[in-house]
Structures are given as structure tokens and as C-alpha cells.
Amino acid sequence: MTTEPISRLYSSSESRRAPDHVICAIDLGSKTFKLVKGTRENGRIETELMRKATLNIGAEIHESGGVINTPKLREMEDTLAEFARECRENKASRILAIATSAINRASNKDDILAITQDLGIELEIADGHREGHVGYLTATRGEPNWLVVELGSNSCQIAWHCGERVRAHQIQAGYI
């Protein structure tokens, strides 16, 4: 289990910019990739789910012994290119992405890093604890005193606010 101060996770000079400041975030999940647009306005972050694509990366990794094969890598690249284009059309100043447990386990995750770098996407390959932290912030918008349980295709993250920190724990479930 890890902990991280809320102020480090949620507060930044990036989040205090003008209301027209747009950031796109991409969740590269084990089953589904999601594109979310976030705008900070009047001290609140407003989010909008823009697109989803089912890629079943977890199943690919499970069936191929830990490798994402070339056809699936091309499908990922095409999807991420579409997402990046949409972010640029929405005048996003940054395109951030977080890859979760399936991609973290892939033996060729460097191929995914190269794809995102070529597309101008800032990728973080998160461990389960970081997934829990991000899930907490997404669900609560950084508000204290909540318990968040996120059921993914490959794992379950439990995160809660305690004092000035978010604590998180991951339970591996295997690919569902």
C-alpha cells in the first residue's frame, strides 16, 4: 500500500490556469480505452467522456503469454491517433495518458511508449497503487473523506482519504 499527499496529486499550476485551459486524458485500460476532456472553470474541474474504444488488451496479453502482438499494436496506434486528433481539435494544451495493469505486465510495453511518444501523448504506466490514487481523484475530484472502489477488468483498486493523504490498495483478480 502507498500513500500520497492530496496536494501533490490534485494541486498544480496547470490546474489553476484560465477557464479555457483544456487537458485531454486517456485511460488505457485492460479492456477499454477512454478519452476524457477536462476543463478547469470557477475552481472546479469539469470533465466530459468523449470516446470509448474496446480493445481487450488484457485478453491479448493473457492469450499471447505477455506480448501485445503486431496487429493489436496497430489497432492501439490507430485508436490513440484518433484520440490525439480529437484532443487537438478541442485545443487541448496537453494529452496525458495512463496505462493500467495489463500494459504494465506486457513484455513489449516499450512499443506502446514509442507509439504514444510519436503521437505527442504523455504516457504514464501506472502500478496498482497509482491507479487507486488516480481513481480516487477522478471519483471525488480531490474531496477528502471518501472511500472509492474501482472494479477493473484485471484488478480492483480500493482508495481512501486519511488525514492529508490518499491511501490505496490493489487486489489482482486476473483478466475477467
C-alpha atoms as a PDB file:
ATOM      1  CA  MET A   1       0.000   0.000   0.000  1.00  0.00           C
ATOM      2  CA  THR A   2       1.258   3.502  -0.803  1.00  0.00           C
ATOM      3  CA  THR A   3       0.144   6.942   0.232  1.00  0.00           C
ATOM      4  CA  GLU A   4       0.469  10.273  -1.464  1.00  0.00           C
ATOM      5  CA  PRO A   5      -0.482  13.761  -0.285  1.00  0.00           C
ATOM      6  CA  ILE A   6      -3.636  15.100  -1.926  1.00  0.00           C
ATOM      7  CA  SER A   7      -1.933  18.426  -2.589  1.00  0.00           C
ATOM      8  CA  ARG A   8       0.679  16.725  -4.791  1.00  0.00           C
ATOM      9  CA  LEU A   9      -1.893  14.717  -6.714  1.00  0.00           C
ATOM     10  CA  TYR A  10      -4.512  17.388  -7.232  1.00  0.00           C
ATOM     11  CA  SER A  11      -2.970  20.851  -6.992  1.00  0.00           C
ATOM     12  CA  SER A  12      -0.662  22.251  -9.601  1.00  0.00           C
ATOM     13  CA  SER A  13      -0.094  25.414 -11.541  1.00  0.00           C
ATOM     14  CA  GLU A  14      -1.529  23.516 -14.533  1.00  0.00           C
ATOM     15  CA  SER A  15      -4.905  23.211 -12.774  1.00  0.00           C
ATOM     16  CA  ARG A  16      -5.137  26.923 -11.935  1.00  0.00           C
ATOM     17  CA  ARG A  17      -4.963  28.250 -15.492  1.00  0.00           C
ATOM     18  CA  ALA A  18      -7.674  30.190 -17.269  1.00  0.00           C
ATOM     19  CA  PRO A  19     -11.100  28.594 -17.829  1.00  0.00           C
ATOM     20  CA  ASP A  20     -10.331  27.815 -21.464  1.00  0.00           C
ATOM     21  CA  HIS A  21      -7.461  25.568 -20.413  1.00  0.00           C
ATOM     22  CA  VAL A  22      -8.223  22.083 -21.734  1.00  0.00           C
ATOM     23  CA  ILE A  23      -6.372  18.869 -20.993  1.00  0.00           C
ATOM     24  CA  CYS A  24      -7.278  15.521 -22.508  1.00  0.00           C
ATOM     25  CA  ALA A  25      -6.692  12.312 -20.593  1.00  0.00           C
ATOM     26  CA  ILE A  26      -6.673   8.797 -21.988  1.00  0.00           C
ATOM     27  CA  ASP A  27      -7.213   5.727 -19.811  1.00  0.00           C
ATOM     28  CA  LEU A  28      -5.561   2.718 -21.446  1.00  0.00           C
ATOM     29  CA  GLY A  29      -7.445   0.032 -19.538  1.00  0.00           C
ATOM     30  CA  SER A  30      -7.186  -3.723 -19.819  1.00  0.00           C
ATOM     31  CA  LYS A  31     -10.415  -3.873 -21.812  1.00  0.00           C
ATOM     32  CA  THR A  32     -11.379  -0.345 -22.858  1.00  0.00           C
ATOM     33  CA  PHE A  33      -9.549   2.857 -23.797  1.00  0.00           C
ATOM     34  CA  LYS A  34     -11.385   6.023 -22.710  1.00  0.00           C
ATOM     35  CA  LEU A  35     -10.818   9.630 -23.777  1.00  0.00           C
ATOM     36  CA  VAL A  36     -11.838  12.351 -21.306  1.00  0.00           C
ATOM     37  CA  LYS A  37     -11.632  16.113 -21.749  1.00  0.00           C
ATOM     38  CA  GLY A  38     -11.104  18.206 -18.635  1.00  0.00           C
ATOM     39  CA  THR A  39     -11.561  21.968 -18.263  1.00  0.00           C
ATOM     40  CA  ARG A  40     -10.926  23.990 -15.114  1.00  0.00           C
ATOM     41  CA  GLU A  41     -13.612  26.601 -14.529  1.00  0.00           C
ATOM     42  CA  ASN A  42     -14.520  28.578 -11.379  1.00  0.00           C
ATOM     43  CA  GLY A  43     -12.212  26.434  -9.242  1.00  0.00           C
ATOM     44  CA  ARG A  44     -13.766  23.165 -10.432  1.00  0.00           C
ATOM     45  CA  ILE A  45     -12.623  20.663 -12.974  1.00  0.00           C
ATOM     46  CA  GLU A  46     -15.395  19.767 -15.398  1.00  0.00           C
ATOM     47  CA  THR A  47     -14.930  16.502 -17.272  1.00  0.00           C
ATOM     48  CA  GLU A  48     -16.568  15.018 -20.323  1.00  0.00           C
ATOM     49  CA  LEU A  49     -16.221  11.470 -21.622  1.00  0.00           C
ATOM     50  CA  MET A  50     -15.571  11.993 -25.314  1.00  0.00           C
ATOM     51  CA  ARG A  51     -14.963   8.479 -26.667  1.00  0.00           C
ATOM     52  CA  LYS A  52     -14.502   4.836 -25.722  1.00  0.00           C
ATOM     53  CA  ALA A  53     -12.967   2.006 -27.685  1.00  0.00           C
ATOM     54  CA  THR A  54     -12.926  -1.652 -26.674  1.00  0.00           C
ATOM     55  CA  LEU A  55      -9.542  -3.192 -27.464  1.00  0.00           C
ATOM     56  CA  ASN A  56      -9.304  -6.104 -24.994  1.00  0.00           C
ATOM     57  CA  ILE A  57      -5.582  -5.646 -24.365  1.00  0.00           C
ATOM     58  CA  GLY A  58      -5.772  -7.789 -21.208  1.00  0.00           C
ATOM     59  CA  ALA A  59      -7.123 -10.751 -23.168  1.00  0.00           C
ATOM     60  CA  GLU A  60      -4.424 -10.280 -25.830  1.00  0.00           C
ATOM     61  CA  ILE A  61      -1.674 -10.313 -23.208  1.00  0.00           C
ATOM     62  CA  HIS A  62      -3.211 -13.263 -21.386  1.00  0.00           C
ATOM     63  CA  GLU A  63      -3.603 -15.341 -24.567  1.00  0.00           C
ATOM     64  CA  SER A  64      -0.185 -14.492 -26.039  1.00  0.00           C
ATOM     65  CA  GLY A  65       1.934 -15.108 -22.968  1.00  0.00           C
ATOM     66  CA  GLY A  66       2.577 -11.477 -22.061  1.00  0.00           C
ATOM     67  CA  VAL A  67       3.065  -9.920 -25.509  1.00  0.00           C
ATOM     68  CA  ILE A  68       0.884  -7.478 -27.422  1.00  0.00           C
ATOM     69  CA  ASN A  69       1.116  -8.773 -30.994  1.00  0.00           C
ATOM     70  CA  THR A  70       1.657  -6.504 -34.008  1.00  0.00           C
ATOM     71  CA  PRO A  71      -1.982  -6.414 -35.235  1.00  0.00           C
ATOM     72  CA  LYS A  72      -3.161  -5.350 -31.762  1.00  0.00           C
ATOM     73  CA  LEU A  73      -0.352  -2.758 -31.537  1.00  0.00           C
ATOM     74  CA  ARG A  74      -1.577  -1.280 -34.867  1.00  0.00           C
ATOM     75  CA  GLU A  75      -5.156  -1.205 -33.559  1.00  0.00           C
ATOM     76  CA  MET A  76      -3.904   0.599 -30.435  1.00  0.00           C
ATOM     77  CA  GLU A  77      -1.935   3.064 -32.559  1.00  0.00           C
ATOM     78  CA  ASP A  78      -4.945   3.800 -34.787  1.00  0.00           C
ATOM     79  CA  THR A  79      -7.195   4.344 -31.754  1.00  0.00           C
ATOM     80  CA  LEU A  80      -4.685   6.581 -29.993  1.00  0.00           C
ATOM     81  CA  ALA A  81      -4.101   8.583 -33.187  1.00  0.00           C
ATOM     82  CA  GLU A  82      -7.870   9.225 -33.447  1.00  0.00           C
ATOM     83  CA  PHE A  83      -7.985  10.247 -29.779  1.00  0.00           C
ATOM     84  CA  ALA A  84      -4.981  12.591 -30.198  1.00  0.00           C
ATOM     85  CA  ARG A  85      -6.555  14.193 -33.283  1.00  0.00           C
ATOM     86  CA  GLU A  86      -9.768  14.816 -31.362  1.00  0.00           C
ATOM     87  CA  CYS A  87      -7.805  16.362 -28.475  1.00  0.00           C
ATOM     88  CA  ARG A  88      -6.020  18.731 -30.840  1.00  0.00           C
ATOM     89  CA  GLU A  89      -9.349  19.695 -32.454  1.00  0.00           C
ATOM     90  CA  ASN A  90     -10.542  20.600 -28.929  1.00  0.00           C
ATOM     91  CA  LYS A  91      -7.404  22.746 -28.456  1.00  0.00           C
ATOM     92  CA  ALA A  92      -6.012  20.650 -25.617  1.00  0.00           C
ATOM     93  CA  SER A  93      -2.756  22.040 -24.262  1.00  0.00           C
ATOM     94  CA  ARG A  94      -1.677  18.563 -23.144  1.00  0.00           C
ATOM     95  CA  ILE A  95      -2.629  14.991 -23.860  1.00  0.00           C
ATOM     96  CA  LEU A  96      -1.989  12.750 -20.886  1.00  0.00           C
ATOM     97  CA  ALA A  97      -2.459   9.007 -20.719  1.00  0.00           C
ATOM     98  CA  ILE A  98      -2.303   6.400 -18.009  1.00  0.00           C
ATOM     99  CA  ALA A  99      -1.837   2.728 -18.770  1.00  0.00           C
ATOM    100  CA  THR A 100      -3.075   0.263 -16.204  1.00  0.00           C
ATOM    101  CA  SER A 101      -2.206  -3.271 -15.107  1.00  0.00           C
ATOM    102  CA  ALA A 102      -2.423  -5.117 -18.440  1.00  0.00           C
ATOM    103  CA  ILE A 103       0.002  -2.835 -20.254  1.00  0.00           C
ATOM    104  CA  ASN A 104       2.197  -2.714 -17.166  1.00  0.00           C
ATOM    105  CA  ARG A 105       2.566  -6.514 -17.470  1.00  0.00           C
ATOM    106  CA  ALA A 106       3.222  -6.541 -21.241  1.00  0.00           C
ATOM    107  CA  SER A 107       6.763  -7.593 -22.105  1.00  0.00           C
ATOM    108  CA  ASN A 108       6.764  -5.138 -25.038  1.00  0.00           C
ATOM    109  CA  LYS A 109       5.401  -2.070 -23.240  1.00  0.00           C
ATOM    110  CA  ASP A 110       8.298  -0.090 -24.761  1.00  0.00           C
ATOM    111  CA  ASP A 111       6.481  -0.402 -28.116  1.00  0.00           C
ATOM    112  CA  ILE A 112       3.478   1.341 -26.548  1.00  0.00           C
ATOM    113  CA  LEU A 113       5.710   4.058 -25.100  1.00  0.00           C
ATOM    114  CA  ALA A 114       7.146   4.647 -28.589  1.00  0.00           C
ATOM    115  CA  ILE A 115       3.668   4.862 -30.152  1.00  0.00           C
ATOM    116  CA  THR A 116       2.452   7.410 -27.611  1.00  0.00           C
ATOM    117  CA  GLN A 117       5.643   9.440 -27.877  1.00  0.00           C
ATOM    118  CA  ASP A 118       5.290   9.604 -31.679  1.00  0.00           C
ATOM    119  CA  LEU A 119       1.695  10.834 -31.234  1.00  0.00           C
ATOM    120  CA  GLY A 120       2.626  13.526 -28.687  1.00  0.00           C
ATOM    121  CA  ILE A 121       0.879  11.748 -25.819  1.00  0.00           C
ATOM    122  CA  GLU A 122       2.497  11.851 -22.370  1.00  0.00           C
ATOM    123  CA  LEU A 123       2.146   8.268 -21.083  1.00  0.00           C
ATOM    124  CA  GLU A 124       2.458   7.052 -17.509  1.00  0.00           C
ATOM    125  CA  ILE A 125       2.468   3.296 -16.990  1.00  0.00           C
ATOM    126  CA  ALA A 126       0.967   3.068 -13.519  1.00  0.00           C
ATOM    127  CA  ASP A 127       1.198   0.419 -10.878  1.00  0.00           C
ATOM    128  CA  GLY A 128      -1.902  -0.598  -8.931  1.00  0.00           C
ATOM    129  CA  HIS A 129      -1.337   1.907  -6.163  1.00  0.00           C
ATOM    130  CA  ARG A 130      -1.122   4.796  -8.605  1.00  0.00           C
ATOM    131  CA  GLU A 131      -4.285   3.501 -10.305  1.00  0.00           C
ATOM    132  CA  GLY A 132      -6.005   3.728  -6.928  1.00  0.00           C
ATOM    133  CA  HIS A 133      -4.796   7.302  -6.382  1.00  0.00           C
ATOM    134  CA  VAL A 134      -5.977   8.428  -9.803  1.00  0.00           C
ATOM    135  CA  GLY A 135      -9.282   6.596  -9.349  1.00  0.00           C
ATOM    136  CA  TYR A 136      -9.827   8.383  -6.040  1.00  0.00           C
ATOM    137  CA  LEU A 137      -9.195  11.789  -7.572  1.00  0.00           C
ATOM    138  CA  THR A 138     -11.378  11.032 -10.572  1.00  0.00           C
ATOM    139  CA  ALA A 139     -14.300   9.867  -8.459  1.00  0.00           C
ATOM    140  CA  THR A 140     -14.094  12.547  -5.758  1.00  0.00           C
ATOM    141  CA  ARG A 141     -12.443  15.477  -7.600  1.00  0.00           C
ATOM    142  CA  GLY A 142      -9.965  15.524  -4.732  1.00  0.00           C
ATOM    143  CA  GLU A 143     -12.516  15.929  -1.942  1.00  0.00           C
ATOM    144  CA  PRO A 144     -11.499  14.289   1.353  1.00  0.00           C
ATOM    145  CA  ASN A 145     -13.287  11.619   3.406  1.00  0.00           C
ATOM    146  CA  TRP A 146     -14.408   9.199   0.708  1.00  0.00           C
ATOM    147  CA  LEU A 147     -13.814   5.521   0.051  1.00  0.00           C
ATOM    148  CA  VAL A 148     -13.524   4.586  -3.622  1.00  0.00           C
ATOM    149  CA  VAL A 149     -13.621   1.056  -5.031  1.00  0.00           C
ATOM    150  CA  GLU A 150     -12.821   0.687  -8.718  1.00  0.00           C
ATOM    151  CA  LEU A 151     -13.532  -2.645 -10.370  1.00  0.00           C
ATOM    152  CA  GLY A 152     -11.430  -3.095 -13.475  1.00  0.00           C
ATOM    153  CA  SER A 153     -11.151  -5.951 -15.944  1.00  0.00           C
ATOM    154  CA  ASN A 154      -7.949  -7.174 -14.335  1.00  0.00           C
ATOM    155  CA  SER A 155      -7.855  -5.789 -10.811  1.00  0.00           C
ATOM    156  CA  CYS A 156      -9.695  -3.937  -8.080  1.00  0.00           C
ATOM    157  CA  GLN A 157      -8.347  -0.742  -6.530  1.00  0.00           C
ATOM    158  CA  ILE A 158      -9.502   0.486  -3.149  1.00  0.00           C
ATOM    159  CA  ALA A 159      -8.558   4.042  -2.203  1.00  0.00           C
ATOM    160  CA  TRP A 160      -9.472   6.281   0.698  1.00  0.00           C
ATOM    161  CA  HIS A 161      -8.573   9.642   2.132  1.00  0.00           C
ATOM    162  CA  CYS A 162      -6.857   9.569   5.503  1.00  0.00           C
ATOM    163  CA  GLY A 163      -5.595  12.814   7.038  1.00  0.00           C
ATOM    164  CA  GLU A 164      -3.742  14.636   4.281  1.00  0.00           C
ATOM    165  CA  ARG A 165      -3.089  11.519   2.210  1.00  0.00           C
ATOM    166  CA  VAL A 166      -4.792   9.172  -0.199  1.00  0.00           C
ATOM    167  CA  ARG A 167      -4.088   5.549   0.601  1.00  0.00           C
ATOM    168  CA  ALA A 168      -4.578   2.842  -1.990  1.00  0.00           C
ATOM    169  CA  HIS A 169      -4.505  -0.925  -2.218  1.00  0.00           C
ATOM    170  CA  GLN A 170      -4.807  -3.172  -5.268  1.00  0.00           C
ATOM    171  CA  ILE A 171      -6.256  -6.673  -5.460  1.00  0.00           C
ATOM    172  CA  GLN A 172      -5.295  -8.644  -8.588  1.00  0.00           C
ATOM    173  CA  ALA A 173      -8.291 -10.507  -9.963  1.00  0.00           C
ATOM    174  CA  GLY A 174      -6.903 -11.970 -13.170  1.00  0.00           C
ATOM    175  CA  TYR A 175      -8.362 -10.978 -16.507  1.00  0.00           C
ATOM    176  CA  ILE A 176     -12.187 -11.052 -16.474  1.00  0.00           C
END
